[in-house]
Amino acid sequence: METARLKIGGMTCGHCVETVEKVLQNQGGVRNATVHLDSGAADVEYDAGSIAPEQLIAAVEAEGYTAAIGGNSAGGAR
């Protein structure tokens, strides 16, 4: 498992956080996703053999938010 930190743009409320978390957690290969409204970031634990960070970004963007790789999280590699 690897952990990626994504910078998420366009979130304004708790409902946005729930939406982004659900979208990420529903992706095959994602073990856990935690979204932080205050920092505009998402920490995603995923199986690199099943899904790539670019696919996570595409899933978030399909919901109308912006997303980009935002650097390493404390939990592991990007």
N, C-alpha and C. Protein backbone atom coordinates (compact mmCIF):
# COMPACT_ATOMS: atom_id res chain seq x y z
N MET A 1 0.84 -1.19 0.00
CA MET A 1 0.00 0.00 0.00
C MET A 1 0.88 1.25 0.00
N GLU A 2 0.40 2.23 -0.72
CA GLU A 2 1.06 3.53 -0.73
C GLU A 2 0.05 4.58 -0.30
N THR A 3 0.55 5.74 0.07
CA THR A 3 -0.32 6.84 0.46
C THR A 3 0.02 8.06 -0.37
N ALA A 4 -1.02 8.67 -0.94
CA ALA A 4 -0.86 9.89 -1.72
C ALA A 4 -1.62 11.01 -1.03
N ARG A 5 -1.05 12.21 -1.08
CA ARG A 5 -1.77 13.39 -0.62
C ARG A 5 -2.19 14.16 -1.86
N LEU A 6 -3.49 14.38 -1.97
CA LEU A 6 -4.03 15.15 -3.08
C LEU A 6 -4.50 16.50 -2.56
N LYS A 7 -4.23 17.54 -3.32
CA LYS A 7 -4.79 18.86 -3.03
C LYS A 7 -6.11 18.94 -3.77
N ILE A 8 -7.17 19.24 -3.05
CA ILE A 8 -8.51 19.28 -3.61
C ILE A 8 -9.01 20.73 -3.58
N GLY A 9 -9.48 21.21 -4.72
CA GLY A 9 -10.02 22.56 -4.80
C GLY A 9 -11.52 22.54 -5.02
N GLY A 10 -12.20 23.55 -4.49
CA GLY A 10 -13.63 23.68 -4.71
C GLY A 10 -14.50 23.17 -3.58
N MET A 11 -13.90 22.64 -2.52
CA MET A 11 -14.69 22.17 -1.38
C MET A 11 -15.03 23.35 -0.48
N THR A 12 -16.31 23.45 -0.10
CA THR A 12 -16.74 24.57 0.74
C THR A 12 -17.45 24.15 2.02
N CYS A 13 -17.77 22.84 2.15
CA CYS A 13 -18.56 22.43 3.30
C CYS A 13 -18.35 20.94 3.60
N GLY A 14 -18.97 20.49 4.66
CA GLY A 14 -18.87 19.09 5.04
C GLY A 14 -19.44 18.14 4.01
N HIS A 15 -20.48 18.57 3.30
CA HIS A 15 -21.04 17.73 2.25
C HIS A 15 -20.02 17.50 1.15
N CYS A 16 -19.25 18.52 0.81
CA CYS A 16 -18.19 18.37 -0.19
C CYS A 16 -17.18 17.32 0.26
N VAL A 17 -16.80 17.38 1.53
CA VAL A 17 -15.85 16.41 2.08
C VAL A 17 -16.41 14.99 1.94
N GLU A 18 -17.66 14.81 2.31
CA GLU A 18 -18.29 13.49 2.21
C GLU A 18 -18.31 12.99 0.76
N THR A 19 -18.62 13.89 -0.17
CA THR A 19 -18.68 13.52 -1.58
C THR A 19 -17.32 13.06 -2.08
N VAL A 20 -16.28 13.84 -1.78
CA VAL A 20 -14.94 13.50 -2.25
C VAL A 20 -14.46 12.20 -1.60
N GLU A 21 -14.69 12.03 -0.30
CA GLU A 21 -14.30 10.78 0.36
C GLU A 21 -14.99 9.59 -0.28
N LYS A 22 -16.28 9.70 -0.53
CA LYS A 22 -17.04 8.59 -1.12
C LYS A 22 -16.50 8.25 -2.51
N VAL A 23 -16.24 9.27 -3.32
CA VAL A 23 -15.72 9.04 -4.67
C VAL A 23 -14.38 8.31 -4.60
N LEU A 24 -13.50 8.75 -3.73
CA LEU A 24 -12.19 8.12 -3.61
C LEU A 24 -12.30 6.70 -3.08
N GLN A 25 -13.11 6.51 -2.05
CA GLN A 25 -13.23 5.18 -1.44
C GLN A 25 -13.91 4.18 -2.36
N ASN A 26 -14.67 4.65 -3.33
CA ASN A 26 -15.33 3.75 -4.28
C ASN A 26 -14.44 3.33 -5.44
N GLN A 27 -13.22 3.86 -5.50
CA GLN A 27 -12.30 3.47 -6.56
C GLN A 27 -11.66 2.13 -6.21
N GLY A 28 -11.59 1.23 -7.16
CA GLY A 28 -10.94 -0.05 -6.94
C GLY A 28 -9.48 0.15 -6.58
N GLY A 29 -9.03 -0.50 -5.54
CA GLY A 29 -7.64 -0.38 -5.12
C GLY A 29 -7.42 0.62 -4.00
N VAL A 30 -8.45 1.40 -3.65
CA VAL A 30 -8.33 2.36 -2.55
C VAL A 30 -8.74 1.66 -1.26
N ARG A 31 -7.84 1.71 -0.29
CA ARG A 31 -8.12 1.09 1.01
C ARG A 31 -8.79 2.08 1.95
N ASN A 32 -8.34 3.35 1.91
CA ASN A 32 -8.89 4.36 2.80
C ASN A 32 -8.65 5.74 2.20
N ALA A 33 -9.58 6.64 2.44
CA ALA A 33 -9.43 8.03 2.02
C ALA A 33 -9.96 8.93 3.12
N THR A 34 -9.16 9.91 3.50
CA THR A 34 -9.56 10.89 4.50
C THR A 34 -9.39 12.27 3.90
N VAL A 35 -10.46 13.05 3.90
CA VAL A 35 -10.45 14.38 3.29
C VAL A 35 -10.53 15.42 4.39
N HIS A 36 -9.73 16.48 4.26
CA HIS A 36 -9.65 17.54 5.26
C HIS A 36 -10.09 18.85 4.64
N LEU A 37 -11.22 19.38 5.08
CA LEU A 37 -11.75 20.63 4.53
C LEU A 37 -10.82 21.80 4.82
N ASP A 38 -10.30 21.87 6.06
CA ASP A 38 -9.49 23.02 6.46
C ASP A 38 -8.21 23.16 5.64
N SER A 39 -7.60 22.06 5.26
CA SER A 39 -6.35 22.13 4.48
C SER A 39 -6.58 21.90 2.99
N GLY A 40 -7.79 21.50 2.62
CA GLY A 40 -8.07 21.22 1.21
C GLY A 40 -7.27 20.05 0.68
N ALA A 41 -7.07 19.05 1.53
CA ALA A 41 -6.24 17.91 1.14
C ALA A 41 -6.97 16.60 1.40
N ALA A 42 -6.54 15.58 0.67
CA ALA A 42 -7.05 14.23 0.88
C ALA A 42 -5.85 13.29 1.00
N ASP A 43 -5.86 12.46 2.02
CA ASP A 43 -4.85 11.42 2.17
C ASP A 43 -5.49 10.11 1.74
N VAL A 44 -4.90 9.48 0.73
CA VAL A 44 -5.50 8.28 0.14
C VAL A 44 -4.51 7.13 0.23
N GLU A 45 -4.92 6.06 0.90
CA GLU A 45 -4.12 4.84 0.96
C GLU A 45 -4.64 3.92 -0.14
N TYR A 46 -3.73 3.49 -1.02
CA TYR A 46 -4.16 2.73 -2.20
C TYR A 46 -3.12 1.69 -2.59
N ASP A 47 -3.57 0.72 -3.39
CA ASP A 47 -2.71 -0.32 -3.94
C ASP A 47 -2.22 0.17 -5.29
N ALA A 48 -0.93 0.47 -5.37
CA ALA A 48 -0.34 1.02 -6.60
C ALA A 48 -0.44 0.06 -7.78
N GLY A 49 -0.63 -1.23 -7.51
CA GLY A 49 -0.79 -2.19 -8.58
C GLY A 49 -2.19 -2.19 -9.18
N SER A 50 -3.13 -1.54 -8.49
CA SER A 50 -4.52 -1.52 -8.93
C SER A 50 -4.99 -0.18 -9.47
N ILE A 51 -4.41 0.91 -8.95
CA ILE A 51 -4.85 2.25 -9.34
C ILE A 51 -3.68 3.22 -9.21
N ALA A 52 -3.66 4.21 -10.08
CA ALA A 52 -2.61 5.23 -10.07
C ALA A 52 -3.17 6.54 -9.54
N PRO A 53 -2.32 7.39 -8.98
CA PRO A 53 -2.79 8.69 -8.49
C PRO A 53 -3.53 9.50 -9.55
N GLU A 54 -3.12 9.38 -10.80
CA GLU A 54 -3.80 10.11 -11.87
C GLU A 54 -5.26 9.68 -12.01
N GLN A 55 -5.54 8.42 -11.72
CA GLN A 55 -6.92 7.93 -11.77
C GLN A 55 -7.74 8.48 -10.60
N LEU A 56 -7.09 8.64 -9.46
CA LEU A 56 -7.76 9.25 -8.31
C LEU A 56 -8.13 10.69 -8.63
N ILE A 57 -7.19 11.41 -9.23
CA ILE A 57 -7.43 12.80 -9.62
C ILE A 57 -8.59 12.88 -10.60
N ALA A 58 -8.60 12.01 -11.60
CA ALA A 58 -9.67 12.02 -12.60
C ALA A 58 -11.03 11.78 -11.96
N ALA A 59 -11.09 10.88 -10.98
CA ALA A 59 -12.36 10.58 -10.31
C ALA A 59 -12.87 11.80 -9.54
N VAL A 60 -11.98 12.52 -8.87
CA VAL A 60 -12.36 13.72 -8.13
C VAL A 60 -12.82 14.81 -9.10
N GLU A 61 -12.07 14.99 -10.17
CA GLU A 61 -12.41 16.02 -11.15
C GLU A 61 -13.74 15.73 -11.84
N ALA A 62 -14.09 14.46 -11.99
CA ALA A 62 -15.37 14.09 -12.60
C ALA A 62 -16.56 14.55 -11.75
N GLU A 63 -16.31 14.80 -10.46
CA GLU A 63 -17.36 15.29 -9.56
C GLU A 63 -17.41 16.81 -9.51
N GLY A 64 -16.54 17.49 -10.28
CA GLY A 64 -16.58 18.94 -10.35
C GLY A 64 -15.58 19.67 -9.47
N TYR A 65 -14.70 18.94 -8.82
CA TYR A 65 -13.66 19.55 -7.99
C TYR A 65 -12.35 19.54 -8.76
N THR A 66 -11.38 20.31 -8.32
CA THR A 66 -10.05 20.23 -8.89
C THR A 66 -9.20 19.35 -7.99
N ALA A 67 -8.20 18.72 -8.57
CA ALA A 67 -7.33 17.84 -7.78
C ALA A 67 -5.96 17.79 -8.41
N ALA A 68 -4.95 17.66 -7.56
CA ALA A 68 -3.57 17.52 -8.00
C ALA A 68 -2.80 16.80 -6.91
N ILE A 69 -1.72 16.17 -7.31
CA ILE A 69 -0.85 15.55 -6.31
C ILE A 69 -0.24 16.67 -5.49
N GLY A 70 -0.40 16.57 -4.17
CA GLY A 70 0.00 17.66 -3.30
C GLY A 70 1.19 17.35 -2.43
N GLY A 71 2.01 16.38 -2.80
CA GLY A 71 3.18 16.05 -2.01
C GLY A 71 2.95 14.82 -1.17
N ASN A 72 3.98 14.40 -0.48
CA ASN A 72 3.91 13.18 0.34
C ASN A 72 3.14 13.45 1.61
N SER A 73 2.38 12.48 2.03
CA SER A 73 1.74 12.54 3.33
C SER A 73 2.68 11.88 4.33
N ALA A 74 2.32 11.93 5.58
CA ALA A 74 3.18 11.35 6.61
C ALA A 74 3.25 9.84 6.50
N GLY A 75 2.27 9.22 5.81
CA GLY A 75 2.16 7.78 5.82
C GLY A 75 2.97 7.02 4.81
N GLY A 76 3.59 7.66 3.84
CA GLY A 76 4.34 6.87 2.88
C GLY A 76 4.65 7.59 1.60
N ALA A 77 4.90 6.81 0.57
CA ALA A 77 5.30 7.36 -0.73
C ALA A 77 4.12 7.99 -1.43
N ARG A 78 4.44 8.80 -2.42
CA ARG A 78 3.37 9.47 -3.14
C ARG A 78 2.68 8.48 -3.98
